[in-house]
Amino acid sequence: MSLRLKFNLSLLVVMLFGLAVSGYFLRDLLQKNAREEVLHEAGLMMESALAIRAYTVDHVRPRLAKLPDDEFMPQTVPAFAAMRR
């Protein structure tokens, strides 16, 4: 075995080891970031849903109490009420 071949094989082993170690750490880092992002987005969606519900309860429900049951108001739909605000 020539010296050049031994040197190339040792560089190849070092490179593969470095790729394996960096792949392992990057996988963990990306999973952690993805988990945090999903939790953050879920929190935002829950906050917006609660805000829509609170608006509906605070502003629409008192108006509905004064109206007869057979009359429809578009404000009773939470998405419409939130968009009009």
Protein backbone atom coordinates (compact mmCIF):
# COMPACT_ATOMS: atom_id res chain seq x y z
CA MET A 1 0.00 0.00 0.00
CA SER A 2 1.43 3.31 -1.01
CA LEU A 3 1.71 6.32 1.24
CA ARG A 4 -0.69 8.30 -0.96
CA LEU A 5 -3.41 5.65 -0.63
CA LYS A 6 -2.98 5.51 3.18
CA PHE A 7 -3.21 9.29 3.40
CA ASN A 8 -6.36 9.37 1.22
CA LEU A 9 -7.99 6.61 3.26
CA SER A 10 -7.24 8.37 6.55
CA LEU A 11 -8.70 11.64 5.18
CA LEU A 12 -11.77 9.76 4.01
CA VAL A 13 -12.28 8.20 7.44
CA VAL A 14 -11.87 11.58 9.18
CA MET A 15 -14.31 13.20 6.74
CA LEU A 16 -16.94 10.46 7.22
CA PHE A 17 -16.58 10.67 10.99
CA GLY A 18 -16.99 14.46 10.87
CA LEU A 19 -20.08 14.15 8.68
CA ALA A 20 -21.62 11.59 11.01
CA VAL A 21 -21.01 13.70 14.12
CA SER A 22 -22.24 16.92 12.52
CA GLY A 23 -25.31 15.12 11.11
CA TYR A 24 -26.20 13.83 14.56
CA PHE A 25 -25.94 17.26 16.20
CA LEU A 26 -27.75 19.03 13.36
CA ARG A 27 -30.61 16.52 13.50
CA ASP A 28 -31.08 17.20 17.21
CA LEU A 29 -30.88 20.95 16.67
CA LEU A 30 -33.41 20.91 13.83
CA GLN A 31 -35.84 18.74 15.78
CA LYS A 32 -35.62 21.09 18.75
CA ASN A 33 -36.22 24.13 16.56
CA ALA A 34 -39.15 22.46 14.80
CA ARG A 35 -40.74 21.52 18.12
CA GLU A 36 -40.40 25.08 19.43
CA GLU A 37 -41.84 26.52 16.21
CA VAL A 38 -44.86 24.21 16.31
CA LEU A 39 -45.53 25.06 19.95
CA HIS A 40 -45.23 28.78 19.21
CA GLU A 41 -47.62 28.58 16.23
CA ALA A 42 -50.09 26.50 18.25
CA GLY A 43 -49.99 29.09 21.01
CA LEU A 44 -50.72 31.88 18.54
CA MET A 45 -53.66 29.98 17.07
CA MET A 46 -55.08 29.29 20.51
CA GLU A 47 -54.71 32.94 21.52
CA SER A 48 -56.48 34.11 18.37
CA ALA A 49 -59.29 31.58 18.87
CA LEU A 50 -59.73 32.74 22.46
CA ALA A 51 -59.72 36.38 21.35
CA ILE A 52 -62.44 35.67 18.79
CA ARG A 53 -64.48 33.85 21.39
CA ALA A 54 -64.04 36.65 23.92
CA TYR A 55 -65.12 39.23 21.36
CA THR A 56 -68.17 37.20 20.50
CA VAL A 57 -69.13 36.75 24.15
CA ASP A 58 -68.51 40.39 25.09
CA HIS A 59 -69.93 42.23 22.09
CA VAL A 60 -72.27 39.94 20.19
CA ARG A 61 -74.05 37.96 22.90
CA PRO A 62 -75.60 41.06 24.57
CA ARG A 63 -77.03 42.14 21.20
CA LEU A 64 -78.44 38.69 20.58
CA ALA A 65 -80.25 38.70 23.90
CA LYS A 66 -82.30 41.71 22.73
CA LEU A 67 -83.33 40.18 19.37
CA PRO A 68 -86.02 37.63 18.62
CA ASP A 69 -84.80 34.07 18.02
CA ASP A 70 -85.86 33.91 14.36
CA GLU A 71 -83.71 36.84 13.19
CA PHE A 72 -80.20 36.03 11.90
CA MET A 73 -77.30 38.40 12.41
CA PRO A 74 -74.03 37.81 10.53
CA GLN A 75 -72.16 39.04 13.59
CA THR A 76 -73.11 35.83 15.34
CA VAL A 77 -70.57 33.96 13.22
CA PRO A 78 -67.26 34.35 15.11
CA ALA A 79 -65.10 34.64 11.98
CA PHE A 80 -67.28 37.42 10.58
CA ALA A 81 -67.33 39.21 13.91
CA ALA A 82 -63.55 39.06 14.18
CA MET A 83 -63.03 40.35 10.63
CA ARG A 84 -65.38 43.28 11.15
CA ARG A 85 -63.64 44.40 14.32
